[in-house]
Every structure is written in structure tokens, then in C-alpha cells.
C-alpha atoms as a PDB file:
ATOM      1  CA  MET A   1      -0.207  17.854  -8.029  1.00  0.00           C
ATOM      2  CA  PRO A   2      -0.816  20.930 -10.223  1.00  0.00           C
ATOM      3  CA  SER A   3      -1.887  24.185  -8.628  1.00  0.00           C
ATOM      4  CA  VAL A   4      -3.107  27.714  -9.340  1.00  0.00           C
ATOM      5  CA  GLU A   5      -3.016  30.834  -7.180  1.00  0.00           C
ATOM      6  CA  ARG A   6      -6.193  32.842  -6.642  1.00  0.00           C
ATOM      7  CA  SER A   7      -6.476  35.821  -4.287  1.00  0.00           C
ATOM      8  CA  GLY A   8      -3.172  34.864  -2.655  1.00  0.00           C
ATOM      9  CA  VAL A   9      -4.273  31.273  -1.967  1.00  0.00           C
ATOM     10  CA  VAL A  10      -2.728  28.244  -3.684  1.00  0.00           C
ATOM     11  CA  ILE A  11      -5.386  25.811  -4.934  1.00  0.00           C
ATOM     12  CA  GLN A  12      -4.331  22.223  -5.677  1.00  0.00           C
ATOM     13  CA  TYR A  13      -6.132  19.967  -8.139  1.00  0.00           C
ATOM     14  CA  GLU A  14      -5.758  16.685 -10.014  1.00  0.00           C
ATOM     15  CA  VAL A  15      -6.677  15.689 -13.559  1.00  0.00           C
ATOM     16  CA  ASP A  16      -7.501  12.068 -14.449  1.00  0.00           C
ATOM     17  CA  GLY A  17      -8.680  10.618 -17.730  1.00  0.00           C
ATOM     18  CA  ASP A  18      -9.534  12.016 -21.142  1.00  0.00           C
ATOM     19  CA  GLY A  19     -12.689  13.263 -22.765  1.00  0.00           C
ATOM     20  CA  PHE A  20     -15.295  15.844 -21.838  1.00  0.00           C
ATOM     21  CA  PRO A  21     -14.226  17.735 -18.674  1.00  0.00           C
ATOM     22  CA  LEU A  22     -16.060  16.918 -15.452  1.00  0.00           C
ATOM     23  CA  VAL A  23     -15.267  19.075 -12.415  1.00  0.00           C
ATOM     24  CA  LEU A  24     -15.578  17.261  -9.084  1.00  0.00           C
ATOM     25  CA  LEU A  25     -16.044  19.440  -5.997  1.00  0.00           C
ATOM     26  CA  HIS A  26     -15.956  17.943  -2.523  1.00  0.00           C
ATOM     27  CA  GLY A  27     -18.159  18.659   0.469  1.00  0.00           C
ATOM     28  CA  LEU A  28     -17.196  20.479   3.645  1.00  0.00           C
ATOM     29  CA  SER A  29     -15.633  17.686   5.656  1.00  0.00           C
ATOM     30  CA  VAL A  30     -13.557  15.991   2.917  1.00  0.00           C
ATOM     31  CA  ASP A  31     -11.079  16.838   0.140  1.00  0.00           C
ATOM     32  CA  ALA A  32     -10.524  16.010  -3.534  1.00  0.00           C
ATOM     33  CA  ALA A  33      -8.995  12.633  -2.650  1.00  0.00           C
ATOM     34  CA  SER A  34     -12.423  11.492  -1.441  1.00  0.00           C
ATOM     35  CA  TRP A  35     -13.470  11.062  -5.103  1.00  0.00           C
ATOM     36  CA  ARG A  36     -10.625   8.562  -5.613  1.00  0.00           C
ATOM     37  CA  ARG A  37     -11.231   6.749  -2.300  1.00  0.00           C
ATOM     38  CA  ALA A  38     -14.920   6.299  -3.131  1.00  0.00           C
ATOM     39  CA  GLY A  39     -14.111   4.835  -6.559  1.00  0.00           C
ATOM     40  CA  TYR A  40     -15.571   7.663  -8.640  1.00  0.00           C
ATOM     41  CA  LEU A  41     -12.353   8.392 -10.532  1.00  0.00           C
ATOM     42  CA  ASP A  42     -11.969   4.744 -11.529  1.00  0.00           C
ATOM     43  CA  ALA A  43     -15.554   4.707 -12.775  1.00  0.00           C
ATOM     44  CA  LEU A  44     -15.487   8.056 -14.607  1.00  0.00           C
ATOM     45  CA  SER A  45     -11.963   8.638 -15.904  1.00  0.00           C
ATOM     46  CA  ASP A  46     -12.346   6.258 -18.858  1.00  0.00           C
ATOM     47  CA  ARG A  47     -15.086   8.548 -20.288  1.00  0.00           C
ATOM     48  CA  TYR A  48     -14.323  11.969 -18.791  1.00  0.00           C
ATOM     49  CA  ARG A  49     -11.420  14.234 -18.008  1.00  0.00           C
ATOM     50  CA  CYS A  50     -12.035  14.425 -14.253  1.00  0.00           C
ATOM     51  CA  VAL A  51     -10.764  17.573 -12.557  1.00  0.00           C
ATOM     52  CA  SER A  52     -10.921  17.127  -8.779  1.00  0.00           C
ATOM     53  CA  VAL A  53     -10.243  20.331  -6.848  1.00  0.00           C
ATOM     54  CA  ASP A  54      -9.042  20.758  -3.267  1.00  0.00           C
ATOM     55  CA  LEU A  55     -11.014  23.882  -2.383  1.00  0.00           C
ATOM     56  CA  ARG A  56      -9.410  26.493  -0.128  1.00  0.00           C
ATOM     57  CA  GLY A  57      -9.103  25.193   3.405  1.00  0.00           C
ATOM     58  CA  ALA A  58      -9.089  21.515   2.367  1.00  0.00           C
ATOM     59  CA  GLY A  59      -6.578  18.862   1.369  1.00  0.00           C
ATOM     60  CA  ALA A  60      -3.333  20.158  -0.116  1.00  0.00           C
ATOM     61  CA  SER A  61      -4.682  23.676  -0.837  1.00  0.00           C
ATOM     62  CA  ASP A  62      -3.820  26.646   1.359  1.00  0.00           C
ATOM     63  CA  LYS A  63      -5.898  27.159   4.480  1.00  0.00           C
ATOM     64  CA  PRO A  64      -6.500  30.874   5.107  1.00  0.00           C
ATOM     65  CA  ASP A  65      -7.284  31.767   8.705  1.00  0.00           C
ATOM     66  CA  LEU A  66      -9.503  34.793   8.088  1.00  0.00           C
ATOM     67  CA  PRO A  67     -13.227  34.025   7.701  1.00  0.00           C
ATOM     68  CA  ALA A  68     -13.445  36.859   5.155  1.00  0.00           C
ATOM     69  CA  LEU A  69     -11.326  34.711   2.788  1.00  0.00           C
ATOM     70  CA  HIS A  70     -13.933  31.930   2.771  1.00  0.00           C
ATOM     71  CA  THR A  71     -16.753  33.485   0.770  1.00  0.00           C
ATOM     72  CA  ILE A  72     -18.631  31.861  -2.094  1.00  0.00           C
ATOM     73  CA  GLU A  73     -16.901  34.326  -4.415  1.00  0.00           C
ATOM     74  CA  HIS A  74     -13.499  33.045  -3.262  1.00  0.00           C
ATOM     75  CA  TYR A  75     -14.544  29.418  -3.773  1.00  0.00           C
ATOM     76  CA  LEU A  76     -15.944  30.199  -7.234  1.00  0.00           C
ATOM     77  CA  GLY A  77     -12.773  32.102  -8.091  1.00  0.00           C
ATOM     78  CA  ALA A  78     -10.701  29.068  -7.159  1.00  0.00           C
ATOM     79  CA  VAL A  79     -12.704  26.810  -9.481  1.00  0.00           C
ATOM     80  CA  GLU A  80     -12.543  29.444 -12.207  1.00  0.00           C
ATOM     81  CA  GLY A  81      -8.756  29.586 -11.786  1.00  0.00           C
ATOM     82  CA  VAL A  82      -8.426  25.835 -12.154  1.00  0.00           C
ATOM     83  CA  LEU A  83     -10.562  25.839 -15.309  1.00  0.00           C
END
């Protein structure tokens, strides 16, 4: 699984398919693998380059303990780093 580092946190992501990029972000109680389990990657990866991101604190990405490291700016920075 490829990764990037943003603000000292390693962010994991997956890329499936070819075509126009489509970034898939998960909700609070799941991770990037939920897109595959629900069948979205099978349905979309023939038309899009699906980039599914494990946001900080979820899945294979690092899980910082400090609440101050879980701001919207940090989450946006992680997506920006992946792109």
C-alpha cells in the first residue's frame, strides 16, 4: 500500500483503475477498505482511477493520540499529500 507523510503522520492509500481520478474518502467509523467491501471499487475502477485514502486515525494510517492533530486542516493536508 503506498503512503505519504504529512505533519509527521503516515497516510496510507490505494489506487485502483485508470481514467479520470476519483478520490474516495471514508466516514468516521470505517476505513478505505470499506469502498472495496461495499463493491464501489469494482463498479468504478473500470471508468475511474479510484484513490481511496485511509485518513489519519483509520485503517493502516498512523493514529495520533493528541486531539490537536485531528483538525480539518490536518485531514485536508493528508488528502492534498496523497494527490
